[in-house]
PDB file of N, CA and C in Angstrom:
ATOM      1  N   MET A   1      21.735  21.495   1.003  1.00  0.00           N
ATOM      2  CA  MET A   1      21.059  20.321   0.534  1.00  0.00           C
ATOM      3  C   MET A   1      19.627  20.333   1.082  1.00  0.00           C
ATOM      4  N   LYS A   2      18.676  20.048   0.213  1.00  0.00           N
ATOM      5  CA  LYS A   2      17.277  20.043   0.618  1.00  0.00           C
ATOM      6  C   LYS A   2      16.985  18.792   1.450  1.00  0.00           C
ATOM      7  N   ARG A   3      16.338  18.977   2.559  1.00  0.00           N
ATOM      8  CA  ARG A   3      15.993  17.865   3.435  1.00  0.00           C
ATOM      9  C   ARG A   3      14.637  17.298   3.013  1.00  0.00           C
ATOM     10  N   LEU A   4      14.595  16.010   2.734  1.00  0.00           N
ATOM     11  CA  LEU A   4      13.363  15.344   2.324  1.00  0.00           C
ATOM     12  C   LEU A   4      12.628  14.824   3.549  1.00  0.00           C
ATOM     13  N   SER A   5      11.319  14.836   3.493  1.00  0.00           N
ATOM     14  CA  SER A   5      10.553  14.276   4.604  1.00  0.00           C
ATOM     15  C   SER A   5      10.597  12.752   4.508  1.00  0.00           C
ATOM     16  N   PRO A   6      10.537  12.058   5.630  1.00  0.00           N
ATOM     17  CA  PRO A   6      10.600  10.589   5.618  1.00  0.00           C
ATOM     18  C   PRO A   6       9.431   9.984   4.856  1.00  0.00           C
ATOM     19  N   GLN A   7       9.694   8.860   4.225  1.00  0.00           N
ATOM     20  CA  GLN A   7       8.657   8.133   3.509  1.00  0.00           C
ATOM     21  C   GLN A   7       8.115   7.044   4.423  1.00  0.00           C
ATOM     22  N   ARG A   8       6.805   7.004   4.628  1.00  0.00           N
ATOM     23  CA  ARG A   8       6.189   6.025   5.522  1.00  0.00           C
ATOM     24  C   ARG A   8       5.847   4.759   4.736  1.00  0.00           C
ATOM     25  N   ILE A   9       6.288   3.619   5.269  1.00  0.00           N
ATOM     26  CA  ILE A   9       5.978   2.308   4.689  1.00  0.00           C
ATOM     27  C   ILE A   9       5.080   1.596   5.680  1.00  0.00           C
ATOM     28  N   LYS A  10       3.852   1.312   5.261  1.00  0.00           N
ATOM     29  CA  LYS A  10       2.862   0.774   6.187  1.00  0.00           C
ATOM     30  C   LYS A  10       2.838  -0.748   6.245  1.00  0.00           C
ATOM     31  N   THR A  11       3.209  -1.425   5.168  1.00  0.00           N
ATOM     32  CA  THR A  11       3.116  -2.887   5.140  1.00  0.00           C
ATOM     33  C   THR A  11       4.390  -3.500   4.564  1.00  0.00           C
ATOM     34  N   ILE A  12       4.563  -4.766   4.824  1.00  0.00           N
ATOM     35  CA  ILE A  12       5.687  -5.509   4.254  1.00  0.00           C
ATOM     36  C   ILE A  12       5.538  -5.580   2.740  1.00  0.00           C
ATOM     37  N   SER A  13       4.326  -5.741   2.266  1.00  0.00           N
ATOM     38  CA  SER A  13       4.083  -5.775   0.818  1.00  0.00           C
ATOM     39  C   SER A  13       4.488  -4.458   0.160  1.00  0.00           C
ATOM     40  N   GLU A  14       4.202  -3.348   0.815  1.00  0.00           N
ATOM     41  CA  GLU A  14       4.590  -2.043   0.291  1.00  0.00           C
ATOM     42  C   GLU A  14       6.113  -1.915   0.257  1.00  0.00           C
ATOM     43  N   PHE A  15       6.797  -2.409   1.280  1.00  0.00           N
ATOM     44  CA  PHE A  15       8.257  -2.389   1.288  1.00  0.00           C
ATOM     45  C   PHE A  15       8.808  -3.182   0.110  1.00  0.00           C
ATOM     46  N   HIS A  16       8.268  -4.364  -0.119  1.00  0.00           N
ATOM     47  CA  HIS A  16       8.712  -5.196  -1.248  1.00  0.00           C
ATOM     48  C   HIS A  16       8.513  -4.449  -2.564  1.00  0.00           C
ATOM     49  N   HIS A  17       7.377  -3.808  -2.697  1.00  0.00           N
ATOM     50  CA  HIS A  17       7.082  -3.077  -3.927  1.00  0.00           C
ATOM     51  C   HIS A  17       8.066  -1.923  -4.133  1.00  0.00           C
ATOM     52  N   LEU A  18       8.336  -1.159  -3.101  1.00  0.00           N
ATOM     53  CA  LEU A  18       9.243  -0.015  -3.211  1.00  0.00           C
ATOM     54  C   LEU A  18      10.680  -0.430  -3.509  1.00  0.00           C
ATOM     55  N   ARG A  19      11.067  -1.589  -3.066  1.00  0.00           N
ATOM     56  CA  ARG A  19      12.444  -2.077  -3.281  1.00  0.00           C
ATOM     57  C   ARG A  19      12.549  -3.044  -4.461  1.00  0.00           C
ATOM     58  N   TYR A  20      11.496  -3.112  -5.277  1.00  0.00           N
ATOM     59  CA  TYR A  20      11.492  -3.957  -6.474  1.00  0.00           C
ATOM     60  C   TYR A  20      11.767  -5.422  -6.163  1.00  0.00           C
ATOM     61  N   LEU A  21      11.166  -5.892  -5.085  1.00  0.00           N
ATOM     62  CA  LEU A  21      11.273  -7.295  -4.688  1.00  0.00           C
ATOM     63  C   LEU A  21       9.988  -8.018  -5.083  1.00  0.00           C
ATOM     64  N   PRO A  22      10.051  -9.347  -5.249  1.00  0.00           N
ATOM     65  CA  PRO A  22       8.813 -10.081  -5.501  1.00  0.00           C
ATOM     66  C   PRO A  22       7.886  -9.978  -4.293  1.00  0.00           C
ATOM     67  N   PRO A  23       6.586 -10.131  -4.487  1.00  0.00           N
ATOM     68  CA  PRO A  23       5.648 -10.048  -3.355  1.00  0.00           C
ATOM     69  C   PRO A  23       5.999 -11.070  -2.272  1.00  0.00           C
ATOM     70  N   PRO A  24       5.785 -10.713  -1.022  1.00  0.00           N
ATOM     71  CA  PRO A  24       6.097 -11.667   0.054  1.00  0.00           C
ATOM     72  C   PRO A  24       5.154 -12.873  -0.003  1.00  0.00           C
ATOM     73  N   GLU A  25       5.663 -14.006   0.416  1.00  0.00           N
ATOM     74  CA  GLU A  25       4.838 -15.223   0.436  1.00  0.00           C
ATOM     75  C   GLU A  25       3.818 -15.185   1.563  1.00  0.00           C
ATOM     76  N   HIS A  26       4.126 -14.443   2.615  1.00  0.00           N
ATOM     77  CA  HIS A  26       3.229 -14.311   3.763  1.00  0.00           C
ATOM     78  C   HIS A  26       3.093 -12.814   4.068  1.00  0.00           C
ATOM     79  N   PRO A  27       1.895 -12.329   4.365  1.00  0.00           N
ATOM     80  CA  PRO A  27       1.721 -10.884   4.567  1.00  0.00           C
ATOM     81  C   PRO A  27       2.357 -10.323   5.844  1.00  0.00           C
ATOM     82  N   LEU A  28       2.719 -11.189   6.794  1.00  0.00           N
ATOM     83  CA  LEU A  28       3.248 -10.703   8.064  1.00  0.00           C
ATOM     84  C   LEU A  28       4.719 -11.013   8.294  1.00  0.00           C
ATOM     85  N   ILE A  29       5.307 -11.885   7.466  1.00  0.00           N
ATOM     86  CA  ILE A  29       6.692 -12.309   7.679  1.00  0.00           C
ATOM     87  C   ILE A  29       7.435 -12.271   6.346  1.00  0.00           C
ATOM     88  N   SER A  30       8.660 -11.755   6.380  1.00  0.00           N
ATOM     89  CA  SER A  30       9.484 -11.724   5.185  1.00  0.00           C
ATOM     90  C   SER A  30      10.945 -11.777   5.595  1.00  0.00           C
ATOM     91  N   VAL A  31      11.747 -12.532   4.848  1.00  0.00           N
ATOM     92  CA  VAL A  31      13.189 -12.591   5.058  1.00  0.00           C
ATOM     93  C   VAL A  31      13.837 -12.017   3.799  1.00  0.00           C
ATOM     94  N   ILE A  32      14.689 -11.003   4.001  1.00  0.00           N
ATOM     95  CA  ILE A  32      15.269 -10.281   2.875  1.00  0.00           C
ATOM     96  C   ILE A  32      16.782 -10.239   3.022  1.00  0.00           C
ATOM     97  N   ASP A  33      17.484 -10.542   1.940  1.00  0.00           N
ATOM     98  CA  ASP A  33      18.936 -10.399   1.896  1.00  0.00           C
ATOM     99  C   ASP A  33      19.232  -8.979   1.408  1.00  0.00           C
ATOM    100  N   TYR A  34      19.617  -8.095   2.324  1.00  0.00           N
ATOM    101  CA  TYR A  34      19.807  -6.688   1.988  1.00  0.00           C
ATOM    102  C   TYR A  34      20.963  -6.458   1.023  1.00  0.00           C
ATOM    103  N   SER A  35      21.859  -7.419   0.870  1.00  0.00           N
ATOM    104  CA  SER A  35      22.943  -7.240  -0.091  1.00  0.00           C
ATOM    105  C   SER A  35      22.434  -7.300  -1.528  1.00  0.00           C
ATOM    106  N   LEU A  36      21.221  -7.804  -1.732  1.00  0.00           N
ATOM    107  CA  LEU A  36      20.644  -7.906  -3.075  1.00  0.00           C
ATOM    108  C   LEU A  36      19.765  -6.706  -3.440  1.00  0.00           C
ATOM    109  N   ILE A  37      19.558  -5.778  -2.497  1.00  0.00           N
ATOM    110  CA  ILE A  37      18.689  -4.635  -2.732  1.00  0.00           C
ATOM    111  C   ILE A  37      19.527  -3.444  -3.160  1.00  0.00           C
ATOM    112  N   PRO A  38      19.222  -2.867  -4.341  1.00  0.00           N
ATOM    113  CA  PRO A  38      19.978  -1.674  -4.744  1.00  0.00           C
ATOM    114  C   PRO A  38      19.629  -0.487  -3.853  1.00  0.00           C
ATOM    115  N   SER A  39      20.599   0.374  -3.605  1.00  0.00           N
ATOM    116  CA  SER A  39      20.341   1.562  -2.788  1.00  0.00           C
ATOM    117  C   SER A  39      19.751   2.651  -3.668  1.00  0.00           C
ATOM    118  N   TYR A  40      19.061   3.589  -3.040  1.00  0.00           N
ATOM    119  CA  TYR A  40      18.467   4.692  -3.772  1.00  0.00           C
ATOM    120  C   TYR A  40      19.519   5.706  -4.218  1.00  0.00           C
ATOM    121  N   GLY A  41      20.622   5.786  -3.534  1.00  0.00           N
ATOM    122  CA  GLY A  41      21.661   6.727  -3.889  1.00  0.00           C
ATOM    123  C   GLY A  41      21.436   8.136  -3.361  1.00  0.00           C
ATOM    124  N   ASP A  42      20.324   8.345  -2.678  1.00  0.00           N
ATOM    125  CA  ASP A  42      20.082   9.641  -2.068  1.00  0.00           C
ATOM    126  C   ASP A  42      19.895   9.448  -0.568  1.00  0.00           C
ATOM    127  N   ASN A  43      19.514  10.480   0.113  1.00  0.00           N
ATOM    128  CA  ASN A  43      19.361  10.407   1.565  1.00  0.00           C
ATOM    129  C   ASN A  43      17.906  10.188   1.967  1.00  0.00           C
ATOM    130  N   THR A  44      17.212   9.310   1.258  1.00  0.00           N
ATOM    131  CA  THR A  44      15.820   9.012   1.578  1.00  0.00           C
ATOM    132  C   THR A  44      15.760   8.288   2.912  1.00  0.00           C
ATOM    133  N   THR A  45      14.872   8.732   3.781  1.00  0.00           N
ATOM    134  CA  THR A  45      14.666   8.055   5.065  1.00  0.00           C
ATOM    135  C   THR A  45      13.280   7.422   5.070  1.00  0.00           C
ATOM    136  N   PHE A  46      13.155   6.354   5.832  1.00  0.00           N
ATOM    137  CA  PHE A  46      11.913   5.606   5.892  1.00  0.00           C
ATOM    138  C   PHE A  46      11.428   5.491   7.326  1.00  0.00           C
ATOM    139  N   ILE A  47      10.136   5.454   7.475  1.00  0.00           N
ATOM    140  CA  ILE A  47       9.489   5.108   8.738  1.00  0.00           C
ATOM    141  C   ILE A  47       8.666   3.870   8.449  1.00  0.00           C
ATOM    142  N   GLN A  48       8.911   2.809   9.175  1.00  0.00           N
ATOM    143  CA  GLN A  48       8.193   1.544   8.961  1.00  0.00           C
ATOM    144  C   GLN A  48       7.148   1.353  10.048  1.00  0.00           C
ATOM    145  N   ASP A  49       5.961   0.993   9.610  1.00  0.00           N
ATOM    146  CA  ASP A  49       4.886   0.710  10.560  1.00  0.00           C
ATOM    147  C   ASP A  49       4.834  -0.780  10.897  1.00  0.00           C
ATOM    148  N   PHE A  50       5.983  -1.428  10.847  1.00  0.00           N
ATOM    149  CA  PHE A  50       6.089  -2.835  11.210  1.00  0.00           C
ATOM    150  C   PHE A  50       7.471  -3.060  11.819  1.00  0.00           C
ATOM    151  N   TYR A  51       7.619  -4.144  12.546  1.00  0.00           N
ATOM    152  CA  TYR A  51       8.899  -4.467  13.182  1.00  0.00           C
ATOM    153  C   TYR A  51       9.864  -5.050  12.154  1.00  0.00           C
ATOM    154  N   SER A  52      11.131  -4.762  12.359  1.00  0.00           N
ATOM    155  CA  SER A  52      12.160  -5.398  11.543  1.00  0.00           C
ATOM    156  C   SER A  52      13.310  -5.802  12.475  1.00  0.00           C
ATOM    157  N   ILE A  53      13.900  -6.923  12.156  1.00  0.00           N
ATOM    158  CA  ILE A  53      15.047  -7.441  12.923  1.00  0.00           C
ATOM    159  C   ILE A  53      16.196  -7.531  11.947  1.00  0.00           C
ATOM    160  N   SER A  54      17.331  -6.946  12.336  1.00  0.00           N
ATOM    161  CA  SER A  54      18.469  -6.994  11.412  1.00  0.00           C
ATOM    162  C   SER A  54      19.699  -7.489  12.126  1.00  0.00           C
TER     163      SER A  54
END
């Protein structure tokens, strides 16, 4: 299996865009229900340049 390089996500807005979510109401804070986000179905890995609490 070919190993893919991680995809870097620099902003919360970029994360919303990649996951087909509406734009965040605030550029620094977002609350997301992960059960509503479809999975990619592959082994894509992400590096986030922001904090996340789960």
